[in-house]
Amino acid sequence: MWFYLVTLVGLYHLLRWYRERQVVSHLQDKYVFITGCDSGFGNLLARQLDRRGMRVLAACLTEKGAEQLRNKTSDRLETVILDVTKTESIVAATQWVKERVGDRGTKK
């Protein structure tokens, strides 16, 4: 019984170690779009991915939140104001993302 439990725990840690060791190539060429970046998880994720070298397109609800985020990050991070409850705001943010990413966001 203990042998199976120890084996299962060992396999779990081995799989976890392997997944954490995987690296995305050309990370500096990748874009990620994150909503809710004024605070909370969105803000934390945007800052972490910026530190890892990704190009972050961060959507904030307020200009104050966007400015605070820009002050804590590199020039790779860009912000846009987005209210997900308003269609015109979503359309404008979609166009903004297309302008920045261009055809680099399409799979070939």
N, C-alpha and C. Protein backbone atom coordinates (compact mmCIF):
# COMPACT_ATOMS: atom_id res chain seq x y z
N MET A 1 0.82 -1.20 0.00
CA MET A 1 0.00 0.00 0.00
C MET A 1 0.87 1.27 0.00
N TRP A 2 1.87 1.33 0.89
CA TRP A 2 2.73 2.50 0.97
C TRP A 2 3.55 2.67 -0.30
N PHE A 3 3.95 1.56 -0.86
CA PHE A 3 4.74 1.61 -2.09
C PHE A 3 3.97 2.31 -3.21
N TYR A 4 2.70 1.97 -3.36
CA TYR A 4 1.87 2.58 -4.41
C TYR A 4 1.67 4.08 -4.14
N LEU A 5 1.47 4.42 -2.90
CA LEU A 5 1.28 5.83 -2.55
C LEU A 5 2.54 6.64 -2.82
N VAL A 6 3.69 6.12 -2.42
CA VAL A 6 4.96 6.80 -2.65
C VAL A 6 5.23 6.91 -4.16
N THR A 7 4.94 5.85 -4.90
CA THR A 7 5.13 5.87 -6.35
C THR A 7 4.23 6.92 -7.00
N LEU A 8 2.98 6.97 -6.59
CA LEU A 8 2.04 7.95 -7.14
C LEU A 8 2.48 9.38 -6.85
N VAL A 9 2.90 9.64 -5.63
CA VAL A 9 3.38 10.98 -5.25
C VAL A 9 4.65 11.32 -6.04
N GLY A 10 5.54 10.35 -6.19
CA GLY A 10 6.76 10.57 -6.96
C GLY A 10 6.47 10.89 -8.42
N LEU A 11 5.55 10.16 -9.02
CA LEU A 11 5.17 10.43 -10.41
C LEU A 11 4.53 11.80 -10.56
N TYR A 12 3.72 12.19 -9.59
CA TYR A 12 3.10 13.52 -9.61
C TYR A 12 4.18 14.61 -9.62
N HIS A 13 5.15 14.50 -8.74
CA HIS A 13 6.21 15.50 -8.67
C HIS A 13 7.10 15.49 -9.90
N LEU A 14 7.34 14.32 -10.46
CA LEU A 14 8.12 14.22 -11.69
C LEU A 14 7.41 14.90 -12.85
N LEU A 15 6.11 14.66 -12.98
CA LEU A 15 5.32 15.31 -14.03
C LEU A 15 5.29 16.82 -13.83
N ARG A 16 5.11 17.26 -12.60
CA ARG A 16 5.07 18.70 -12.31
C ARG A 16 6.42 19.35 -12.64
N TRP A 17 7.52 18.71 -12.27
CA TRP A 17 8.85 19.22 -12.57
C TRP A 17 9.05 19.32 -14.07
N TYR A 18 8.63 18.30 -14.82
CA TYR A 18 8.78 18.31 -16.27
C TYR A 18 7.97 19.45 -16.90
N ARG A 19 6.75 19.66 -16.48
CA ARG A 19 5.91 20.73 -17.04
C ARG A 19 6.49 22.11 -16.74
N GLU A 20 7.07 22.29 -15.58
CA GLU A 20 7.64 23.59 -15.22
C GLU A 20 8.94 23.87 -15.97
N ARG A 21 9.60 22.85 -16.46
CA ARG A 21 10.85 23.01 -17.19
C ARG A 21 10.63 23.36 -18.65
N GLN A 22 9.42 23.20 -19.16
CA GLN A 22 9.16 23.50 -20.56
C GLN A 22 9.25 25.01 -20.78
N VAL A 23 9.84 25.39 -21.89
CA VAL A 23 10.08 26.79 -22.19
C VAL A 23 9.44 27.13 -23.54
N VAL A 24 8.81 28.27 -23.61
CA VAL A 24 8.26 28.76 -24.87
C VAL A 24 9.37 29.51 -25.61
N SER A 25 9.62 29.12 -26.85
CA SER A 25 10.68 29.78 -27.60
C SER A 25 10.23 31.14 -28.11
N HIS A 26 11.17 32.04 -28.28
CA HIS A 26 10.94 33.40 -28.79
C HIS A 26 9.85 34.12 -27.99
N LEU A 27 9.96 34.06 -26.69
CA LEU A 27 8.96 34.65 -25.80
C LEU A 27 8.78 36.14 -26.06
N GLN A 28 9.85 36.84 -26.42
CA GLN A 28 9.77 38.28 -26.64
C GLN A 28 8.94 38.63 -27.87
N ASP A 29 8.67 37.66 -28.74
CA ASP A 29 7.85 37.89 -29.93
C ASP A 29 6.38 37.56 -29.70
N LYS A 30 6.03 37.04 -28.53
CA LYS A 30 4.66 36.62 -28.24
C LYS A 30 3.86 37.77 -27.65
N TYR A 31 2.57 37.79 -27.98
CA TYR A 31 1.66 38.78 -27.42
C TYR A 31 0.63 38.06 -26.55
N VAL A 32 0.22 38.74 -25.50
CA VAL A 32 -0.87 38.23 -24.68
C VAL A 32 -1.77 39.42 -24.35
N PHE A 33 -3.09 39.20 -24.48
CA PHE A 33 -4.08 40.23 -24.18
C PHE A 33 -4.78 39.83 -22.88
N ILE A 34 -4.76 40.71 -21.90
CA ILE A 34 -5.33 40.42 -20.58
C ILE A 34 -6.32 41.52 -20.23
N THR A 35 -7.51 41.12 -19.80
CA THR A 35 -8.50 42.09 -19.34
C THR A 35 -8.47 42.17 -17.81
N GLY A 36 -9.03 43.23 -17.28
CA GLY A 36 -9.10 43.38 -15.83
C GLY A 36 -7.76 43.66 -15.19
N CYS A 37 -6.96 44.50 -15.80
CA CYS A 37 -5.59 44.73 -15.33
C CYS A 37 -5.46 45.89 -14.36
N ASP A 38 -6.57 46.51 -13.97
CA ASP A 38 -6.50 47.60 -12.99
C ASP A 38 -5.97 47.10 -11.66
N SER A 39 -6.41 45.91 -11.26
CA SER A 39 -6.00 45.35 -9.98
C SER A 39 -6.20 43.84 -10.02
N GLY A 40 -5.88 43.19 -8.93
CA GLY A 40 -6.15 41.77 -8.79
C GLY A 40 -5.30 40.88 -9.66
N PHE A 41 -5.89 39.74 -10.06
CA PHE A 41 -5.15 38.73 -10.82
C PHE A 41 -4.70 39.25 -12.18
N GLY A 42 -5.53 40.04 -12.85
CA GLY A 42 -5.14 40.58 -14.15
C GLY A 42 -3.90 41.44 -14.05
N ASN A 43 -3.85 42.29 -13.05
CA ASN A 43 -2.71 43.16 -12.83
C ASN A 43 -1.46 42.35 -12.51
N LEU A 44 -1.60 41.37 -11.64
CA LEU A 44 -0.47 40.53 -11.26
C LEU A 44 0.06 39.74 -12.45
N LEU A 45 -0.84 39.16 -13.24
CA LEU A 45 -0.42 38.39 -14.41
C LEU A 45 0.27 39.28 -15.44
N ALA A 46 -0.27 40.47 -15.68
CA ALA A 46 0.33 41.40 -16.63
C ALA A 46 1.76 41.76 -16.22
N ARG A 47 1.96 42.04 -14.93
CA ARG A 47 3.30 42.40 -14.45
C ARG A 47 4.26 41.21 -14.54
N GLN A 48 3.79 40.02 -14.20
CA GLN A 48 4.66 38.83 -14.26
C GLN A 48 5.07 38.51 -15.68
N LEU A 49 4.12 38.54 -16.61
CA LEU A 49 4.46 38.23 -18.00
C LEU A 49 5.36 39.30 -18.60
N ASP A 50 5.18 40.55 -18.21
CA ASP A 50 6.07 41.61 -18.67
C ASP A 50 7.48 41.36 -18.18
N ARG A 51 7.63 40.96 -16.93
CA ARG A 51 8.96 40.65 -16.39
C ARG A 51 9.61 39.49 -17.12
N ARG A 52 8.81 38.57 -17.65
CA ARG A 52 9.35 37.41 -18.38
C ARG A 52 9.67 37.74 -19.83
N GLY A 53 9.37 38.96 -20.25
CA GLY A 53 9.76 39.39 -21.59
C GLY A 53 8.66 39.35 -22.63
N MET A 54 7.45 39.02 -22.25
CA MET A 54 6.36 38.98 -23.23
C MET A 54 5.84 40.38 -23.51
N ARG A 55 5.24 40.52 -24.65
CA ARG A 55 4.57 41.78 -25.00
C ARG A 55 3.14 41.68 -24.48
N VAL A 56 2.83 42.49 -23.49
CA VAL A 56 1.53 42.43 -22.83
C VAL A 56 0.65 43.56 -23.32
N LEU A 57 -0.55 43.21 -23.75
CA LEU A 57 -1.58 44.17 -24.11
C LEU A 57 -2.60 44.10 -22.98
N ALA A 58 -2.58 45.11 -22.11
CA ALA A 58 -3.37 45.08 -20.88
C ALA A 58 -4.59 45.99 -21.00
N ALA A 59 -5.75 45.42 -20.75
CA ALA A 59 -7.00 46.19 -20.78
C ALA A 59 -7.39 46.57 -19.36
N CYS A 60 -7.57 47.87 -19.14
CA CYS A 60 -7.96 48.40 -17.84
C CYS A 60 -9.29 49.12 -17.97
N LEU A 61 -10.04 49.16 -16.89
CA LEU A 61 -11.33 49.86 -16.90
C LEU A 61 -11.14 51.36 -16.77
N THR A 62 -10.12 51.79 -16.03
CA THR A 62 -9.92 53.22 -15.78
C THR A 62 -8.54 53.68 -16.25
N GLU A 63 -8.44 54.94 -16.56
CA GLU A 63 -7.15 55.52 -16.95
C GLU A 63 -6.18 55.51 -15.78
N LYS A 64 -6.70 55.70 -14.57
CA LYS A 64 -5.85 55.67 -13.38
C LYS A 64 -5.20 54.28 -13.22
N GLY A 65 -5.98 53.23 -13.39
CA GLY A 65 -5.44 51.87 -13.29
C GLY A 65 -4.41 51.60 -14.36
N ALA A 66 -4.68 52.09 -15.59
CA ALA A 66 -3.74 51.90 -16.69
C ALA A 66 -2.43 52.63 -16.42
N GLU A 67 -2.52 53.84 -15.90
CA GLU A 67 -1.32 54.63 -15.61
C GLU A 67 -0.48 53.97 -14.51
N GLN A 68 -1.14 53.48 -13.46
CA GLN A 68 -0.42 52.81 -12.38
C GLN A 68 0.29 51.57 -12.89
N LEU A 69 -0.36 50.82 -13.77
CA LEU A 69 0.25 49.62 -14.33
C LEU A 69 1.44 49.98 -15.21
N ARG A 70 1.31 51.00 -16.05
CA ARG A 70 2.42 51.43 -16.91
C ARG A 70 3.63 51.87 -16.09
N ASN A 71 3.37 52.49 -14.94
CA ASN A 71 4.47 52.95 -14.09
C ASN A 71 5.25 51.81 -13.45
N LYS A 72 4.64 50.63 -13.36
CA LYS A 72 5.29 49.48 -12.71
C LYS A 72 5.90 48.50 -13.70
N THR A 73 5.78 48.79 -15.01
CA THR A 73 6.21 47.81 -16.00
C THR A 73 7.14 48.43 -17.04
N SER A 74 7.60 47.59 -17.96
CA SER A 74 8.50 48.05 -19.01
C SER A 74 7.71 48.64 -20.18
N ASP A 75 8.45 49.07 -21.20
CA ASP A 75 7.81 49.62 -22.40
C ASP A 75 7.14 48.57 -23.26
N ARG A 76 7.40 47.29 -23.00
CA ARG A 76 6.74 46.22 -23.75
C ARG A 76 5.25 46.16 -23.45
N LEU A 77 4.86 46.56 -22.25
CA LEU A 77 3.45 46.52 -21.86
C LEU A 77 2.73 47.76 -22.36
N GLU A 78 1.61 47.54 -23.04
CA GLU A 78 0.77 48.64 -23.52
C GLU A 78 -0.62 48.48 -22.93
N THR A 79 -1.28 49.59 -22.68
CA THR A 79 -2.60 49.53 -22.07
C THR A 79 -3.66 50.14 -22.98
N VAL A 80 -4.87 49.67 -22.77
CA VAL A 80 -6.04 50.19 -23.46
C VAL A 80 -7.18 50.25 -22.43
N ILE A 81 -8.05 51.22 -22.60
CA ILE A 81 -9.21 51.32 -21.73
C ILE A 81 -10.31 50.46 -22.33
N LEU A 82 -10.88 49.57 -21.50
CA LEU A 82 -11.90 48.64 -21.98
C LEU A 82 -12.96 48.44 -20.91
N ASP A 83 -14.21 48.69 -21.30
CA ASP A 83 -15.37 48.39 -20.47
C ASP A 83 -16.10 47.24 -21.17
N VAL A 84 -15.99 46.04 -20.61
CA VAL A 84 -16.54 44.86 -21.29
C VAL A 84 -18.06 44.84 -21.34
N THR A 85 -18.71 45.80 -20.68
CA THR A 85 -20.17 45.88 -20.73
C THR A 85 -20.67 46.77 -21.88
N LYS A 86 -19.74 47.39 -22.62
CA LYS A 86 -20.12 48.30 -23.69
C LYS A 86 -19.55 47.82 -25.02
N THR A 87 -20.44 47.60 -25.97
CA THR A 87 -20.06 47.07 -27.27
C THR A 87 -19.05 47.96 -27.97
N GLU A 88 -19.25 49.26 -27.94
CA GLU A 88 -18.33 50.16 -28.64
C GLU A 88 -16.93 50.12 -28.03
N SER A 89 -16.84 49.90 -26.74
CA SER A 89 -15.55 49.78 -26.09
C SER A 89 -14.85 48.49 -26.52
N ILE A 90 -15.60 47.42 -26.66
CA ILE A 90 -15.05 46.14 -27.10
C ILE A 90 -14.55 46.23 -28.54
N VAL A 91 -15.34 46.87 -29.40
CA VAL A 91 -14.95 47.05 -30.80
C VAL A 91 -13.67 47.88 -30.90
N ALA A 92 -13.60 48.96 -30.12
CA ALA A 92 -12.41 49.81 -30.15
C ALA A 92 -11.17 49.05 -29.65
N ALA A 93 -11.33 48.26 -28.60
CA ALA A 93 -10.20 47.49 -28.07
C ALA A 93 -9.77 46.42 -29.06
N THR A 94 -10.72 45.81 -29.74
CA THR A 94 -10.40 44.80 -30.76
C THR A 94 -9.57 45.42 -31.88
N GLN A 95 -9.95 46.58 -32.34
CA GLN A 95 -9.21 47.28 -33.39
C GLN A 95 -7.82 47.66 -32.90
N TRP A 96 -7.73 48.10 -31.66
CA TRP A 96 -6.44 48.48 -31.06
C TRP A 96 -5.49 47.29 -31.04
N VAL A 97 -6.01 46.12 -30.64
CA VAL A 97 -5.18 44.90 -30.61
C VAL A 97 -4.73 44.53 -32.02
N LYS A 98 -5.64 44.59 -33.00
CA LYS A 98 -5.29 44.26 -34.38
C LYS A 98 -4.19 45.18 -34.91
N GLU A 99 -4.23 46.45 -34.54
CA GLU A 99 -3.21 47.40 -34.99
C GLU A 99 -1.84 47.04 -34.42
N ARG A 100 -1.80 46.58 -33.19
CA ARG A 100 -0.52 46.27 -32.58
C ARG A 100 0.03 44.92 -33.00
N VAL A 101 -0.83 43.93 -33.09
CA VAL A 101 -0.38 42.57 -33.38
C VAL A 101 -0.24 42.33 -34.87
N GLY A 102 -1.12 42.91 -35.67
CA GLY A 102 -1.10 42.70 -37.11
C GLY A 102 -1.34 41.25 -37.46
N ASP A 103 -0.62 40.74 -38.42
CA ASP A 103 -0.81 39.35 -38.83
C ASP A 103 0.02 38.38 -37.99
N ARG A 104 0.74 38.89 -37.01
CA ARG A 104 1.53 38.01 -36.15
C ARG A 104 0.66 37.20 -35.21
N GLY A 105 -0.62 37.56 -35.09
CA GLY A 105 -1.51 36.85 -34.20
C GLY A 105 -2.27 35.73 -34.87
N THR A 106 -2.03 35.52 -36.15
CA THR A 106 -2.74 34.46 -36.86
C THR A 106 -1.86 33.24 -37.00
N LYS A 107 -2.49 32.08 -36.94
CA LYS A 107 -1.74 30.84 -37.15
C LYS A 107 -1.58 30.59 -38.63
N LYS A 108 -0.42 30.07 -38.98
CA LYS A 108 -0.15 29.79 -40.38
C LYS A 108 0.15 28.33 -40.56
